[in-house]
Amino acid sequence: MNPMGITGRLTFAAAVAGLGIISLSTGHFAAVWQPVPGTLPARTALAYANGALMAALGAALLLRRARAFAALAVSAYLIVWLVLLRVPIVAAAPGIADHWAGIGENATLIVGGLLTLALAPAARTDFQRSITARRAVRLGRIIFALALMLMSLNNLAYLQANADFPPAWIAHWLGWGYLVGLAYIAAGLAVLFGLAARLAAIMTAWMMSALTVLCWGSFVLQAPANRTNWTGLMISSALTGAAWLVASSYAADRRHSSPGSDTAAMTRVARAGP
């Protein structure tokens, strides 16, 4: 895996584990799972169980032999939560931009798990599995592109909130919402239609990295005991990790389509026929 892929995988895995640790340490669901109904039976016990599972899966993502299973489990788990939590909220109030942005965030986390699985070394052990991996990568890119455009709604619909969001040492500028929102839309279209897609994915990953470090990192340093700040840092880190994995997938494409690669050689044989 190339440096972008390693960065994405490690960041995503650490963030998944971090979200689990937050639930374990507080007995609450992290914000990414909200709103879990307060009337849910055994809600606290489920929060602890969710935390233990996420912490274990995040740790497993760091282990070579367990990575593929953990990535598949994380993706499936996130899909379940997306269907159970996010979709009903949007269906009940489709006119609220924040609800659609929540769908985008959850979908981006699913991409992180999907691409961790697709880009794992075990996914390229033979030609047939390589084809399956490439299909998973294409699906991940499409989901990521659509998710970026959904997340842009949060920036463009709440301009004042976005202007007030950065820490005090960063200028509170109304244009931040426009800048980030339009950047998400442009990157989403680029990835979706394959127009300078690799550059768009890399620039998006850098932008998310900057937002994570400069904003959420600052909040944690200012108030390290605040659970919301740590949750925001973990979610932003997971989104950033997923973005780096998408960027990495284009580098993997270039490597496996090079004239000397096994995949390229097999493709030439297949095209030549008997």
Protein backbone atom coordinates (compact mmCIF):
# COMPACT_ATOMS: atom_id res chain seq x y z
CA MET A 1 0.00 0.00 0.00
CA ASN A 2 1.30 3.46 -0.90
CA PRO A 3 1.94 6.23 1.68
CA MET A 4 -1.49 7.79 1.14
CA GLY A 5 -3.11 4.43 1.71
CA ILE A 6 -1.10 3.75 4.85
CA THR A 7 -1.97 7.21 6.19
CA GLY A 8 -5.64 6.66 5.42
CA ARG A 9 -5.78 3.17 6.88
CA LEU A 10 -3.99 4.08 10.11
CA THR A 11 -6.02 7.26 10.57
CA PHE A 12 -9.31 5.50 9.88
CA ALA A 13 -8.47 2.57 12.18
CA ALA A 14 -7.35 4.82 15.03
CA ALA A 15 -10.49 6.95 14.71
CA VAL A 16 -12.80 3.91 14.72
CA ALA A 17 -11.06 2.63 17.84
CA GLY A 18 -11.22 6.13 19.35
CA LEU A 19 -15.00 6.33 18.85
CA GLY A 20 -15.31 2.98 20.60
CA ILE A 21 -13.16 4.14 23.51
CA ILE A 22 -15.32 7.26 23.91
CA SER A 23 -18.45 5.10 24.23
CA LEU A 24 -16.71 2.76 26.66
CA SER A 25 -15.47 5.60 28.84
CA THR A 26 -18.75 7.51 28.98
CA GLY A 27 -21.53 4.96 28.54
CA HIS A 28 -22.96 7.08 25.72
CA PHE A 29 -23.16 6.62 21.97
CA ALA A 30 -20.73 8.84 20.09
CA ALA A 31 -22.34 11.59 18.02
CA VAL A 32 -21.89 9.61 14.81
CA TRP A 33 -24.56 7.15 16.08
CA GLN A 34 -27.00 9.82 17.21
CA PRO A 35 -29.82 10.28 17.67
CA VAL A 36 -30.22 6.91 19.36
CA PRO A 37 -33.66 7.16 21.05
CA GLY A 38 -33.44 7.84 24.76
CA THR A 39 -36.27 5.38 25.33
CA LEU A 40 -34.33 2.50 23.78
CA PRO A 41 -34.32 -0.44 26.23
CA ALA A 42 -30.90 -1.09 27.81
CA ARG A 43 -29.54 1.97 26.03
CA THR A 44 -26.49 2.29 28.29
CA ALA A 45 -25.64 -1.40 27.96
CA LEU A 46 -25.92 -1.11 24.17
CA ALA A 47 -23.67 1.94 24.24
CA TYR A 48 -21.00 -0.05 26.08
CA ALA A 49 -21.42 -2.96 23.67
CA ASN A 50 -21.14 -0.59 20.71
CA GLY A 51 -18.00 0.91 22.21
CA ALA A 52 -16.39 -2.47 22.82
CA LEU A 53 -17.16 -3.59 19.27
CA MET A 54 -15.83 -0.42 17.66
CA ALA A 55 -12.68 -0.44 19.78
CA ALA A 56 -12.04 -4.09 18.89
CA LEU A 57 -12.69 -3.54 15.18
CA GLY A 58 -10.49 -0.45 15.12
CA ALA A 59 -7.66 -2.43 16.69
CA ALA A 60 -8.23 -5.32 14.27
CA LEU A 61 -7.93 -2.92 11.31
CA LEU A 62 -4.31 -2.42 12.35
CA LEU A 63 -3.55 -6.15 12.18
CA ARG A 64 -2.64 -7.56 8.78
CA ARG A 65 -4.32 -10.93 9.23
CA ALA A 66 -7.51 -9.49 10.74
CA ARG A 67 -7.74 -6.40 8.53
CA ALA A 68 -9.99 -7.76 5.79
CA PHE A 69 -12.54 -9.25 8.20
CA ALA A 70 -12.50 -6.13 10.39
CA ALA A 71 -12.99 -3.84 7.37
CA LEU A 72 -15.93 -5.93 6.18
CA ALA A 73 -17.46 -5.92 9.67
CA VAL A 74 -17.01 -2.15 10.08
CA SER A 75 -18.63 -1.50 6.70
CA ALA A 76 -21.59 -3.77 7.47
CA TYR A 77 -22.02 -2.26 10.95
CA LEU A 78 -21.99 1.28 9.58
CA ILE A 79 -24.53 0.36 6.90
CA VAL A 80 -26.87 -1.00 9.59
CA TRP A 81 -26.61 2.22 11.59
CA LEU A 82 -27.11 4.31 8.46
CA VAL A 83 -30.33 2.47 7.65
CA LEU A 84 -31.62 2.40 11.23
CA LEU A 85 -30.71 5.94 12.29
CA ARG A 86 -30.02 8.28 9.40
CA VAL A 87 -32.52 7.22 6.75
CA PRO A 88 -35.61 7.48 9.01
CA ILE A 89 -34.54 10.97 10.10
CA VAL A 90 -34.23 12.16 6.51
CA ALA A 91 -37.53 10.51 5.58
CA ALA A 92 -39.26 12.30 8.46
CA ALA A 93 -37.79 15.74 7.69
CA PRO A 94 -36.24 15.81 4.19
CA GLY A 95 -35.98 19.60 4.11
CA ILE A 96 -33.28 19.84 6.81
CA ALA A 97 -29.78 20.06 5.32
CA ASP A 98 -28.07 18.75 8.44
CA HIS A 99 -29.92 15.44 8.14
CA TRP A 100 -28.63 14.92 4.59
CA ALA A 101 -25.13 15.88 5.70
CA GLY A 102 -25.37 13.17 8.36
CA ILE A 103 -26.11 10.65 5.60
CA GLY A 104 -23.00 11.92 3.81
CA GLU A 105 -20.80 11.52 6.88
CA ASN A 106 -22.01 8.00 7.56
CA ALA A 107 -21.57 7.06 3.90
CA THR A 108 -18.02 8.38 3.93
CA LEU A 109 -17.22 6.20 6.94
CA ILE A 110 -18.61 3.21 5.03
CA VAL A 111 -16.21 4.08 2.20
CA GLY A 112 -13.35 3.97 4.68
CA GLY A 113 -14.19 0.38 5.59
CA LEU A 114 -14.90 -0.64 2.00
CA LEU A 115 -11.60 0.68 0.64
CA THR A 116 -9.62 -0.72 3.56
CA LEU A 117 -10.99 -4.08 2.47
CA ALA A 118 -10.51 -3.52 -1.28
CA LEU A 119 -6.95 -2.20 -1.00
CA ALA A 120 -5.77 -4.86 1.45
CA PRO A 121 -2.98 -7.07 0.02
CA ALA A 122 -5.20 -10.16 0.34
CA ALA A 123 -7.66 -8.60 -2.11
CA ARG A 124 -5.08 -8.77 -4.92
CA THR A 125 -3.74 -12.30 -4.53
CA ASP A 126 -5.12 -13.43 -7.89
CA PHE A 127 -6.65 -11.94 -11.00
CA GLN A 128 -10.26 -12.80 -10.16
CA ARG A 129 -10.09 -11.27 -6.69
CA SER A 130 -8.31 -8.26 -8.16
CA ILE A 131 -11.32 -7.65 -10.41
CA THR A 132 -13.62 -7.84 -7.38
CA ALA A 133 -11.40 -5.40 -5.52
CA ARG A 134 -11.49 -2.94 -8.40
CA ARG A 135 -15.28 -3.09 -8.47
CA ALA A 136 -15.35 -2.35 -4.76
CA VAL A 137 -12.99 0.60 -5.32
CA ARG A 138 -15.24 2.00 -8.05
CA LEU A 139 -18.27 1.65 -5.78
CA GLY A 140 -16.38 3.35 -2.95
CA ARG A 141 -15.47 6.27 -5.20
CA ILE A 142 -19.08 6.75 -6.31
CA ILE A 143 -20.34 6.68 -2.72
CA PHE A 144 -17.59 9.10 -1.69
CA ALA A 145 -18.45 11.52 -4.51
CA LEU A 146 -22.14 11.57 -3.59
CA ALA A 147 -21.32 11.83 0.12
CA LEU A 148 -19.15 14.90 -0.47
CA MET A 149 -22.02 16.65 -2.20
CA LEU A 150 -24.36 15.78 0.68
CA MET A 151 -21.86 17.08 3.24
CA SER A 152 -21.60 20.34 1.30
CA LEU A 153 -25.21 21.09 2.26
CA ASN A 154 -24.17 21.54 5.87
CA ASN A 155 -21.63 24.19 4.85
CA LEU A 156 -23.81 26.08 2.41
CA ALA A 157 -27.03 26.01 4.47
CA TYR A 158 -25.49 27.19 7.75
CA LEU A 159 -23.08 29.92 6.71
CA GLN A 160 -23.05 31.79 10.02
CA ALA A 161 -22.51 28.61 12.04
CA ASN A 162 -19.59 27.71 9.80
CA ALA A 163 -18.17 31.22 10.14
CA ASP A 164 -18.30 30.92 13.94
CA PHE A 165 -16.98 27.36 14.05
CA PRO A 166 -13.16 27.83 13.77
CA PRO A 167 -11.13 28.47 16.94
CA ALA A 168 -10.56 32.09 17.95
CA TRP A 169 -7.14 32.34 16.30
CA ILE A 170 -8.68 31.67 12.87
CA ALA A 171 -10.65 34.48 11.26
CA HIS A 172 -14.42 34.00 11.56
CA TRP A 173 -15.20 34.59 7.89
CA LEU A 174 -18.61 34.04 6.32
CA GLY A 175 -16.88 32.72 3.22
CA TRP A 176 -15.65 29.54 4.97
CA GLY A 177 -19.01 27.87 4.37
CA TYR A 178 -18.95 28.76 0.67
CA LEU A 179 -15.30 27.73 0.31
CA VAL A 180 -15.61 24.31 1.92
CA GLY A 181 -19.08 23.59 0.53
CA LEU A 182 -18.19 24.44 -3.05
CA ALA A 183 -14.90 22.55 -2.72
CA TYR A 184 -16.85 19.44 -1.67
CA ILE A 185 -19.21 19.81 -4.64
CA ALA A 186 -16.36 20.32 -7.11
CA ALA A 187 -14.42 17.35 -5.74
CA GLY A 188 -17.53 15.17 -5.73
CA LEU A 189 -18.26 15.95 -9.38
CA ALA A 190 -14.61 15.40 -10.33
CA VAL A 191 -14.52 11.97 -8.67
CA LEU A 192 -17.95 10.99 -9.97
CA PHE A 193 -17.17 11.83 -13.61
CA GLY A 194 -13.45 11.05 -13.59
CA LEU A 195 -12.31 14.61 -14.33
CA ALA A 196 -8.96 15.16 -12.57
CA ALA A 197 -10.37 12.74 -10.01
CA ARG A 198 -7.04 11.81 -8.43
CA LEU A 199 -6.13 15.47 -7.88
CA ALA A 200 -9.59 16.21 -6.50
CA ALA A 201 -9.36 13.29 -4.05
CA ILE A 202 -5.91 14.33 -2.86
CA MET A 203 -6.93 17.96 -2.39
CA THR A 204 -10.05 16.89 -0.49
CA ALA A 205 -7.95 14.69 1.79
CA TRP A 206 -5.58 17.58 2.51
CA MET A 207 -8.50 19.93 3.20
CA MET A 208 -10.08 17.45 5.60
CA SER A 209 -6.70 16.94 7.27
CA ALA A 210 -6.34 20.69 7.79
CA LEU A 211 -9.86 21.01 9.22
CA THR A 212 -9.22 18.09 11.57
CA VAL A 213 -5.90 19.37 12.90
CA LEU A 214 -6.54 23.12 12.93
CA CYS A 215 -10.11 23.07 14.24
CA TRP A 216 -10.83 19.89 16.16
CA GLY A 217 -7.23 19.52 17.31
CA SER A 218 -7.36 23.03 18.71
CA PHE A 219 -10.66 22.37 20.48
CA VAL A 220 -9.24 19.28 22.18
CA LEU A 221 -6.16 21.19 23.32
CA GLN A 222 -8.34 24.01 24.69
CA ALA A 223 -10.75 21.70 26.55
CA PRO A 224 -9.29 18.18 26.79
CA ALA A 225 -12.01 17.01 29.20
CA ASN A 226 -14.82 17.84 26.76
CA ARG A 227 -16.31 14.66 25.29
CA THR A 228 -17.86 16.50 22.33
CA ASN A 229 -14.44 17.78 21.24
CA TRP A 230 -12.94 14.29 21.30
CA THR A 231 -15.91 12.87 19.43
CA GLY A 232 -15.61 15.58 16.78
CA LEU A 233 -11.89 14.90 16.45
CA MET A 234 -12.47 11.16 15.99
CA ILE A 235 -15.27 11.60 13.44
CA SER A 236 -13.26 14.17 11.48
CA SER A 237 -10.23 11.88 11.59
CA ALA A 238 -12.26 8.94 10.31
CA LEU A 239 -13.60 11.06 7.43
CA THR A 240 -10.06 12.20 6.68
CA GLY A 241 -8.79 8.62 6.70
CA ALA A 242 -11.50 7.62 4.24
CA ALA A 243 -10.55 10.52 1.96
CA TRP A 244 -6.89 9.45 1.94
CA LEU A 245 -7.96 5.89 1.09
CA VAL A 246 -9.92 7.21 -1.90
CA ALA A 247 -6.88 9.21 -3.02
CA SER A 248 -4.73 6.10 -2.54
CA SER A 249 -7.00 4.06 -4.80
CA TYR A 250 -5.95 6.16 -7.80
CA ALA A 251 -2.29 5.55 -7.07
CA ALA A 252 -3.10 1.82 -6.84
CA ASP A 253 -4.79 2.07 -10.26
CA ARG A 254 -1.68 3.58 -11.79
CA ARG A 255 0.57 0.94 -10.22
CA HIS A 256 -1.53 -2.04 -11.28
CA SER A 257 -2.10 -0.70 -14.81
CA SER A 258 1.62 -0.12 -15.45
CA PRO A 259 3.04 -2.17 -18.37
CA GLY A 260 4.94 -4.55 -16.11
CA SER A 261 2.22 -5.31 -13.60
CA ASP A 262 0.55 -8.73 -13.36
CA THR A 263 -2.91 -7.20 -13.80
CA ALA A 264 -1.87 -5.39 -16.97
CA ALA A 265 -0.26 -8.53 -18.35
CA MET A 266 -3.37 -10.61 -17.68
CA THR A 267 -5.54 -7.93 -19.27
CA ARG A 268 -3.40 -8.01 -22.43
CA VAL A 269 -3.71 -11.81 -22.57
CA ALA A 270 -7.46 -11.63 -22.10
CA ARG A 271 -7.77 -9.08 -24.89
CA ALA A 272 -5.56 -11.12 -27.23
CA GLY A 273 -7.81 -14.14 -26.92
CA PRO A 274 -6.85 -17.73 -27.64
